[in-house]
Amino acid sequence: MEINQAYQPGEVVYVIIRNPHAQNVANVQEAAIVASPDDSSQLALFLYETYYPLTDEFAIYRTLEEAEQAYENVFGIDDFYG
């Protein structure tokens, strides 16, 4: 299934996002699925007051618990919020 078909506008999701200035730093952030401001037929991820094209490059989870578990599995620590 294409990622744009897996979500609906208005959904709240959680993403694991790395700090672009320190690649060993990541955290779990809440984001919203919205219509892309550039192409209303596509979806975007609204995060940090910015629209990002919805792609499979993001680690997107439907619940905070799923995101926290994935974070712990990858980073092996319990500090989910950097």
PDB file of N, CA and C in Angstrom:
ATOM      1  N   MET A   1       0.841  -1.174   0.000  1.00  0.00           N
ATOM      2  CA  MET A   1       0.000   0.000   0.000  1.00  0.00           C
ATOM      3  C   MET A   1       0.894   1.248   0.000  1.00  0.00           C
ATOM      4  N   GLU A   2       0.576   2.178  -0.860  1.00  0.00           N
ATOM      5  CA  GLU A   2       1.316   3.436  -0.922  1.00  0.00           C
ATOM      6  C   GLU A   2       1.082   4.223   0.364  1.00  0.00           C
ATOM      7  N   ILE A   3       2.120   4.899   0.835  1.00  0.00           N
ATOM      8  CA  ILE A   3       2.038   5.600   2.122  1.00  0.00           C
ATOM      9  C   ILE A   3       0.922   6.639   2.140  1.00  0.00           C
ATOM     10  N   ASN A   4       0.656   7.307   1.027  1.00  0.00           N
ATOM     11  CA  ASN A   4      -0.409   8.302   0.986  1.00  0.00           C
ATOM     12  C   ASN A   4      -1.790   7.676   1.132  1.00  0.00           C
ATOM     13  N   GLN A   5      -1.904   6.375   0.913  1.00  0.00           N
ATOM     14  CA  GLN A   5      -3.178   5.693   1.074  1.00  0.00           C
ATOM     15  C   GLN A   5      -3.323   5.081   2.466  1.00  0.00           C
ATOM     16  N   ALA A   6      -2.242   5.047   3.230  1.00  0.00           N
ATOM     17  CA  ALA A   6      -2.262   4.433   4.552  1.00  0.00           C
ATOM     18  C   ALA A   6      -2.787   5.384   5.630  1.00  0.00           C
ATOM     19  N   TYR A   7      -2.854   6.672   5.339  1.00  0.00           N
ATOM     20  CA  TYR A   7      -3.254   7.674   6.335  1.00  0.00           C
ATOM     21  C   TYR A   7      -4.345   8.573   5.785  1.00  0.00           C
ATOM     22  N   GLN A   8      -5.020   9.236   6.715  1.00  0.00           N
ATOM     23  CA  GLN A   8      -6.075  10.182   6.360  1.00  0.00           C
ATOM     24  C   GLN A   8      -5.742  11.553   6.950  1.00  0.00           C
ATOM     25  N   PRO A   9      -6.083  12.638   6.257  1.00  0.00           N
ATOM     26  CA  PRO A   9      -5.865  13.968   6.825  1.00  0.00           C
ATOM     27  C   PRO A   9      -6.536  14.079   8.193  1.00  0.00           C
ATOM     28  N   GLY A  10      -5.851  14.707   9.112  1.00  0.00           N
ATOM     29  CA  GLY A  10      -6.380  14.887  10.460  1.00  0.00           C
ATOM     30  C   GLY A  10      -5.875  13.861  11.462  1.00  0.00           C
ATOM     31  N   GLU A  11      -5.253  12.785  10.974  1.00  0.00           N
ATOM     32  CA  GLU A  11      -4.721  11.788  11.902  1.00  0.00           C
ATOM     33  C   GLU A  11      -3.528  12.362  12.659  1.00  0.00           C
ATOM     34  N   VAL A  12      -3.447  12.014  13.927  1.00  0.00           N
ATOM     35  CA  VAL A  12      -2.278  12.342  14.734  1.00  0.00           C
ATOM     36  C   VAL A  12      -1.403  11.097  14.756  1.00  0.00           C
ATOM     37  N   VAL A  13      -0.134  11.282  14.477  1.00  0.00           N
ATOM     38  CA  VAL A  13       0.822  10.168  14.460  1.00  0.00           C
ATOM     39  C   VAL A  13       2.046  10.583  15.273  1.00  0.00           C
ATOM     40  N   TYR A  14       2.944   9.645  15.445  1.00  0.00           N
ATOM     41  CA  TYR A  14       4.179   9.887  16.188  1.00  0.00           C
ATOM     42  C   TYR A  14       5.341   9.466  15.320  1.00  0.00           C
ATOM     43  N   VAL A  15       6.382  10.270  15.316  1.00  0.00           N
ATOM     44  CA  VAL A  15       7.552   9.975  14.493  1.00  0.00           C
ATOM     45  C   VAL A  15       8.804   9.995  15.359  1.00  0.00           C
ATOM     46  N   ILE A  16       9.761   9.187  14.956  1.00  0.00           N
ATOM     47  CA  ILE A  16      11.083   9.243  15.557  1.00  0.00           C
ATOM     48  C   ILE A  16      11.907  10.102  14.620  1.00  0.00           C
ATOM     49  N   ILE A  17      12.425  11.178  15.148  1.00  0.00           N
ATOM     50  CA  ILE A  17      13.142  12.122  14.309  1.00  0.00           C
ATOM     51  C   ILE A  17      14.507  12.408  14.922  1.00  0.00           C
ATOM     52  N   ARG A  18      15.504  12.446  14.058  1.00  0.00           N
ATOM     53  CA  ARG A  18      16.871  12.727  14.506  1.00  0.00           C
ATOM     54  C   ARG A  18      17.145  14.219  14.462  1.00  0.00           C
ATOM     55  N   ASN A  19      18.000  14.646  15.357  1.00  0.00           N
ATOM     56  CA  ASN A  19      18.473  16.022  15.361  1.00  0.00           C
ATOM     57  C   ASN A  19      19.447  16.174  14.198  1.00  0.00           C
ATOM     58  N   PRO A  20      19.206  17.106  13.281  1.00  0.00           N
ATOM     59  CA  PRO A  20      20.100  17.230  12.119  1.00  0.00           C
ATOM     60  C   PRO A  20      21.506  17.702  12.477  1.00  0.00           C
ATOM     61  N   HIS A  21      21.662  18.251  13.675  1.00  0.00           N
ATOM     62  CA  HIS A  21      22.971  18.756  14.091  1.00  0.00           C
ATOM     63  C   HIS A  21      23.744  17.759  14.939  1.00  0.00           C
ATOM     64  N   ALA A  22      23.070  16.726  15.429  1.00  0.00           N
ATOM     65  CA  ALA A  22      23.717  15.699  16.257  1.00  0.00           C
ATOM     66  C   ALA A  22      23.047  14.372  15.943  1.00  0.00           C
ATOM     67  N   GLN A  23      23.585  13.634  15.022  1.00  0.00           N
ATOM     68  CA  GLN A  23      22.935  12.419  14.518  1.00  0.00           C
ATOM     69  C   GLN A  23      22.737  11.326  15.564  1.00  0.00           C
ATOM     70  N   ASN A  24      23.403  11.423  16.694  1.00  0.00           N
ATOM     71  CA  ASN A  24      23.185  10.421  17.728  1.00  0.00           C
ATOM     72  C   ASN A  24      22.078  10.839  18.695  1.00  0.00           C
ATOM     73  N   VAL A  25      21.368  11.931  18.376  1.00  0.00           N
ATOM     74  CA  VAL A  25      20.273  12.421  19.200  1.00  0.00           C
ATOM     75  C   VAL A  25      18.977  12.289  18.407  1.00  0.00           C
ATOM     76  N   ALA A  26      17.993  11.645  19.010  1.00  0.00           N
ATOM     77  CA  ALA A  26      16.683  11.492  18.373  1.00  0.00           C
ATOM     78  C   ALA A  26      15.615  11.576  19.448  1.00  0.00           C
ATOM     79  N   ASN A  27      14.391  11.831  19.011  1.00  0.00           N
ATOM     80  CA  ASN A  27      13.289  11.828  19.959  1.00  0.00           C
ATOM     81  C   ASN A  27      11.988  11.492  19.256  1.00  0.00           C
ATOM     82  N   VAL A  28      10.971  11.246  20.057  1.00  0.00           N
ATOM     83  CA  VAL A  28       9.633  10.953  19.553  1.00  0.00           C
ATOM     84  C   VAL A  28       8.852  12.259  19.556  1.00  0.00           C
ATOM     85  N   GLN A  29       8.225  12.571  18.436  1.00  0.00           N
ATOM     86  CA  GLN A  29       7.442  13.796  18.317  1.00  0.00           C
ATOM     87  C   GLN A  29       6.056  13.487  17.764  1.00  0.00           C
ATOM     88  N   GLU A  30       5.075  14.211  18.268  1.00  0.00           N
ATOM     89  CA  GLU A  30       3.725  14.124  17.722  1.00  0.00           C
ATOM     90  C   GLU A  30       3.683  14.941  16.442  1.00  0.00           C
ATOM     91  N   ALA A  31       2.970  14.441  15.444  1.00  0.00           N
ATOM     92  CA  ALA A  31       2.819  15.139  14.171  1.00  0.00           C
ATOM     93  C   ALA A  31       1.399  14.914  13.658  1.00  0.00           C
ATOM     94  N   ALA A  32       1.016  15.682  12.677  1.00  0.00           N
ATOM     95  CA  ALA A  32      -0.311  15.543  12.083  1.00  0.00           C
ATOM     96  C   ALA A  32      -0.181  15.207  10.606  1.00  0.00           C
ATOM     97  N   ILE A  33      -1.091  14.382  10.140  1.00  0.00           N
ATOM     98  CA  ILE A  33      -1.205  14.099   8.711  1.00  0.00           C
ATOM     99  C   ILE A  33      -2.160  15.143   8.140  1.00  0.00           C
ATOM    100  N   VAL A  34      -1.709  15.852   7.116  1.00  0.00           N
ATOM    101  CA  VAL A  34      -2.510  16.924   6.525  1.00  0.00           C
ATOM    102  C   VAL A  34      -2.393  16.862   4.996  1.00  0.00           C
ATOM    103  N   ALA A  35      -3.277  17.579   4.330  1.00  0.00           N
ATOM    104  CA  ALA A  35      -3.151  17.711   2.879  1.00  0.00           C
ATOM    105  C   ALA A  35      -1.926  18.576   2.595  1.00  0.00           C
ATOM    106  N   SER A  36      -1.171  18.193   1.603  1.00  0.00           N
ATOM    107  CA  SER A  36       0.023  18.953   1.243  1.00  0.00           C
ATOM    108  C   SER A  36      -0.379  20.334   0.748  1.00  0.00           C
ATOM    109  N   PRO A  37       0.293  21.388   1.229  1.00  0.00           N
ATOM    110  CA  PRO A  37      -0.031  22.730   0.729  1.00  0.00           C
ATOM    111  C   PRO A  37       0.405  22.936  -0.724  1.00  0.00           C
ATOM    112  N   ASP A  38       1.305  22.082  -1.212  1.00  0.00           N
ATOM    113  CA  ASP A  38       1.789  22.196  -2.588  1.00  0.00           C
ATOM    114  C   ASP A  38       0.964  21.393  -3.581  1.00  0.00           C
ATOM    115  N   ASP A  39       0.325  20.312  -3.110  1.00  0.00           N
ATOM    116  CA  ASP A  39      -0.450  19.429  -3.981  1.00  0.00           C
ATOM    117  C   ASP A  39      -1.522  18.770  -3.131  1.00  0.00           C
ATOM    118  N   SER A  40      -2.730  19.270  -3.190  1.00  0.00           N
ATOM    119  CA  SER A  40      -3.798  18.787  -2.312  1.00  0.00           C
ATOM    120  C   SER A  40      -4.168  17.324  -2.549  1.00  0.00           C
ATOM    121  N   SER A  41      -3.671  16.711  -3.614  1.00  0.00           N
ATOM    122  CA  SER A  41      -3.933  15.290  -3.839  1.00  0.00           C
ATOM    123  C   SER A  41      -2.937  14.411  -3.083  1.00  0.00           C
ATOM    124  N   GLN A  42      -1.935  15.036  -2.467  1.00  0.00           N
ATOM    125  CA  GLN A  42      -0.922  14.316  -1.698  1.00  0.00           C
ATOM    126  C   GLN A  42      -1.037  14.696  -0.227  1.00  0.00           C
ATOM    127  N   LEU A  43      -0.510  13.826   0.630  1.00  0.00           N
ATOM    128  CA  LEU A  43      -0.504  14.105   2.060  1.00  0.00           C
ATOM    129  C   LEU A  43       0.866  14.602   2.491  1.00  0.00           C
ATOM    130  N   ALA A  44       0.861  15.292   3.622  1.00  0.00           N
ATOM    131  CA  ALA A  44       2.106  15.792   4.189  1.00  0.00           C
ATOM    132  C   ALA A  44       2.098  15.516   5.690  1.00  0.00           C
ATOM    133  N   LEU A  45       3.269  15.554   6.255  1.00  0.00           N
ATOM    134  CA  LEU A  45       3.454  15.426   7.686  1.00  0.00           C
ATOM    135  C   LEU A  45       3.704  16.839   8.216  1.00  0.00           C
ATOM    136  N   PHE A  46       2.879  17.289   9.156  1.00  0.00           N
ATOM    137  CA  PHE A  46       3.050  18.619   9.729  1.00  0.00           C
ATOM    138  C   PHE A  46       3.742  18.458  11.070  1.00  0.00           C
ATOM    139  N   LEU A  47       4.988  18.938  11.127  1.00  0.00           N
ATOM    140  CA  LEU A  47       5.855  18.716  12.282  1.00  0.00           C
ATOM    141  C   LEU A  47       6.736  19.939  12.459  1.00  0.00           C
ATOM    142  N   TYR A  48       6.838  20.432  13.672  1.00  0.00           N
ATOM    143  CA  TYR A  48       7.657  21.624  13.953  1.00  0.00           C
ATOM    144  C   TYR A  48       7.233  22.808  13.091  1.00  0.00           C
ATOM    145  N   GLU A  49       5.924  22.997  12.920  1.00  0.00           N
ATOM    146  CA  GLU A  49       5.396  24.114  12.137  1.00  0.00           C
ATOM    147  C   GLU A  49       5.857  24.089  10.674  1.00  0.00           C
ATOM    148  N   THR A  50       6.217  22.902  10.192  1.00  0.00           N
ATOM    149  CA  THR A  50       6.703  22.736   8.826  1.00  0.00           C
ATOM    150  C   THR A  50       5.983  21.558   8.180  1.00  0.00           C
ATOM    151  N   TYR A  51       5.738  21.666   6.883  1.00  0.00           N
ATOM    152  CA  TYR A  51       5.143  20.578   6.108  1.00  0.00           C
ATOM    153  C   TYR A  51       6.255  19.754   5.472  1.00  0.00           C
ATOM    154  N   TYR A  52       6.185  18.444   5.641  1.00  0.00           N
ATOM    155  CA  TYR A  52       7.136  17.525   5.014  1.00  0.00           C
ATOM    156  C   TYR A  52       6.356  16.571   4.114  1.00  0.00           C
ATOM    157  N   PRO A  53       6.825  16.308   2.907  1.00  0.00           N
ATOM    158  CA  PRO A  53       6.136  15.321   2.070  1.00  0.00           C
ATOM    159  C   PRO A  53       6.060  13.986   2.818  1.00  0.00           C
ATOM    160  N   LEU A  54       4.923  13.348   2.756  1.00  0.00           N
ATOM    161  CA  LEU A  54       4.741  12.068   3.437  1.00  0.00           C
ATOM    162  C   LEU A  54       5.435  10.982   2.622  1.00  0.00           C
ATOM    163  N   THR A  55       6.552  10.493   3.148  1.00  0.00           N
ATOM    164  CA  THR A  55       7.323   9.449   2.473  1.00  0.00           C
ATOM    165  C   THR A  55       7.665   8.355   3.470  1.00  0.00           C
ATOM    166  N   ASP A  56       8.139   7.246   2.941  1.00  0.00           N
ATOM    167  CA  ASP A  56       8.533   6.143   3.821  1.00  0.00           C
ATOM    168  C   ASP A  56       9.892   6.380   4.483  1.00  0.00           C
ATOM    169  N   GLU A  57      10.463   7.563   4.307  1.00  0.00           N
ATOM    170  CA  GLU A  57      11.717   7.900   4.977  1.00  0.00           C
ATOM    171  C   GLU A  57      11.495   8.238   6.452  1.00  0.00           C
ATOM    172  N   PHE A  58      10.258   8.511   6.835  1.00  0.00           N
ATOM    173  CA  PHE A  58       9.936   8.793   8.227  1.00  0.00           C
ATOM    174  C   PHE A  58       9.540   7.505   8.936  1.00  0.00           C
ATOM    175  N   ALA A  59       9.953   7.391  10.195  1.00  0.00           N
ATOM    176  CA  ALA A  59       9.494   6.287  11.047  1.00  0.00           C
ATOM    177  C   ALA A  59       8.208   6.771  11.702  1.00  0.00           C
ATOM    178  N   ILE A  60       7.061   6.371  11.144  1.00  0.00           N
ATOM    179  CA  ILE A  60       5.754   6.868  11.584  1.00  0.00           C
ATOM    180  C   ILE A  60       5.020   5.765  12.332  1.00  0.00           C
ATOM    181  N   TYR A  61       4.451   6.133  13.471  1.00  0.00           N
ATOM    182  CA  TYR A  61       3.713   5.186  14.308  1.00  0.00           C
ATOM    183  C   TYR A  61       2.357   5.778  14.647  1.00  0.00           C
ATOM    184  N   ARG A  62       1.366   4.923  14.766  1.00  0.00           N
ATOM    185  CA  ARG A  62      -0.001   5.385  15.034  1.00  0.00           C
ATOM    186  C   ARG A  62      -0.228   5.717  16.510  1.00  0.00           C
ATOM    187  N   THR A  63       0.564   5.121  17.401  1.00  0.00           N
ATOM    188  CA  THR A  63       0.397   5.410  18.824  1.00  0.00           C
ATOM    189  C   THR A  63       1.733   5.801  19.440  1.00  0.00           C
ATOM    190  N   LEU A  64       1.644   6.553  20.523  1.00  0.00           N
ATOM    191  CA  LEU A  64       2.837   6.942  21.258  1.00  0.00           C
ATOM    192  C   LEU A  64       3.552   5.709  21.798  1.00  0.00           C
ATOM    193  N   GLU A  65       2.788   4.738  22.256  1.00  0.00           N
ATOM    194  CA  GLU A  65       3.384   3.522  22.811  1.00  0.00           C
ATOM    195  C   GLU A  65       4.208   2.766  21.764  1.00  0.00           C
ATOM    196  N   GLU A  66       3.685   2.671  20.542  1.00  0.00           N
ATOM    197  CA  GLU A  66       4.437   2.011  19.463  1.00  0.00           C
ATOM    198  C   GLU A  66       5.733   2.766  19.170  1.00  0.00           C
ATOM    199  N   ALA A  67       5.655   4.083  19.127  1.00  0.00           N
ATOM    200  CA  ALA A  67       6.838   4.897  18.837  1.00  0.00           C
ATOM    201  C   ALA A  67       7.873   4.759  19.950  1.00  0.00           C
ATOM    202  N   GLU A  68       7.417   4.791  21.198  1.00  0.00           N
ATOM    203  CA  GLU A  68       8.346   4.650  22.323  1.00  0.00           C
ATOM    204  C   GLU A  68       9.017   3.284  22.323  1.00  0.00           C
ATOM    205  N   GLN A  69       8.265   2.240  22.010  1.00  0.00           N
ATOM    206  CA  GLN A  69       8.847   0.886  21.960  1.00  0.00           C
ATOM    207  C   GLN A  69       9.886   0.795  20.848  1.00  0.00           C
ATOM    208  N   ALA A  70       9.576   1.337  19.690  1.00  0.00           N
ATOM    209  CA  ALA A  70      10.533   1.325  18.578  1.00  0.00           C
ATOM    210  C   ALA A  70      11.781   2.122  18.944  1.00  0.00           C
ATOM    211  N   TYR A  71      11.594   3.251  19.587  1.00  0.00           N
ATOM    212  CA  TYR A  71      12.720   4.083  20.010  1.00  0.00           C
ATOM    213  C   TYR A  71      13.624   3.296  20.957  1.00  0.00           C
ATOM    214  N   GLU A  72      13.006   2.668  21.933  1.00  0.00           N
ATOM    215  CA  GLU A  72      13.789   1.875  22.895  1.00  0.00           C
ATOM    216  C   GLU A  72      14.513   0.727  22.200  1.00  0.00           C
ATOM    217  N   ASN A  73      13.856   0.082  21.237  1.00  0.00           N
ATOM    218  CA  ASN A  73      14.487  -1.020  20.510  1.00  0.00           C
ATOM    219  C   ASN A  73      15.705  -0.552  19.714  1.00  0.00           C
ATOM    220  N   VAL A  74      15.617   0.632  19.141  1.00  0.00           N
ATOM    221  CA  VAL A  74      16.708   1.150  18.309  1.00  0.00           C
ATOM    222  C   VAL A  74      17.812   1.775  19.149  1.00  0.00           C
ATOM    223  N   PHE A  75      17.417   2.579  20.118  1.00  0.00           N
ATOM    224  CA  PHE A  75      18.403   3.342  20.869  1.00  0.00           C
ATOM    225  C   PHE A  75      18.754   2.711  22.215  1.00  0.00           C
ATOM    226  N   GLY A  76      17.926   1.775  22.676  1.00  0.00           N
ATOM    227  CA  GLY A  76      18.236   1.027  23.888  1.00  0.00           C
ATOM    228  C   GLY A  76      18.216   1.838  25.167  1.00  0.00           C
ATOM    229  N   ILE A  77      17.505   2.943  25.160  1.00  0.00           N
ATOM    230  CA  ILE A  77      17.386   3.748  26.378  1.00  0.00           C
ATOM    231  C   ILE A  77      15.948   4.187  26.552  1.00  0.00           C
ATOM    232  N   ASP A  78      15.617   4.648  27.739  1.00  0.00           N
ATOM    233  CA  ASP A  78      14.242   5.023  28.044  1.00  0.00           C
ATOM    234  C   ASP A  78      13.963   6.514  27.942  1.00  0.00           C
ATOM    235  N   ASP A  79      14.924   7.313  27.519  1.00  0.00           N
ATOM    236  CA  ASP A  79      14.723   8.755  27.420  1.00  0.00           C
ATOM    237  C   ASP A  79      14.162   9.088  26.036  1.00  0.00           C
ATOM    238  N   PHE A  80      12.839   9.015  25.879  1.00  0.00           N
ATOM    239  CA  PHE A  80      12.197   9.136  24.581  1.00  0.00           C
ATOM    240  C   PHE A  80      12.234  10.539  24.015  1.00  0.00           C
ATOM    241  N   TYR A  81      12.460  11.528  24.830  1.00  0.00           N
ATOM    242  CA  TYR A  81      12.305  12.905  24.378  1.00  0.00           C
ATOM    243  C   TYR A  81      13.614  13.664  24.327  1.00  0.00           C
ATOM    244  N   GLY A  82      14.713  12.913  24.147  1.00  0.00           N
ATOM    245  CA  GLY A  82      16.009  13.513  23.907  1.00  0.00           C
ATOM    246  C   GLY A  82      16.532  14.259  25.076  1.00  0.00           C
TER     247      GLY A  82
END
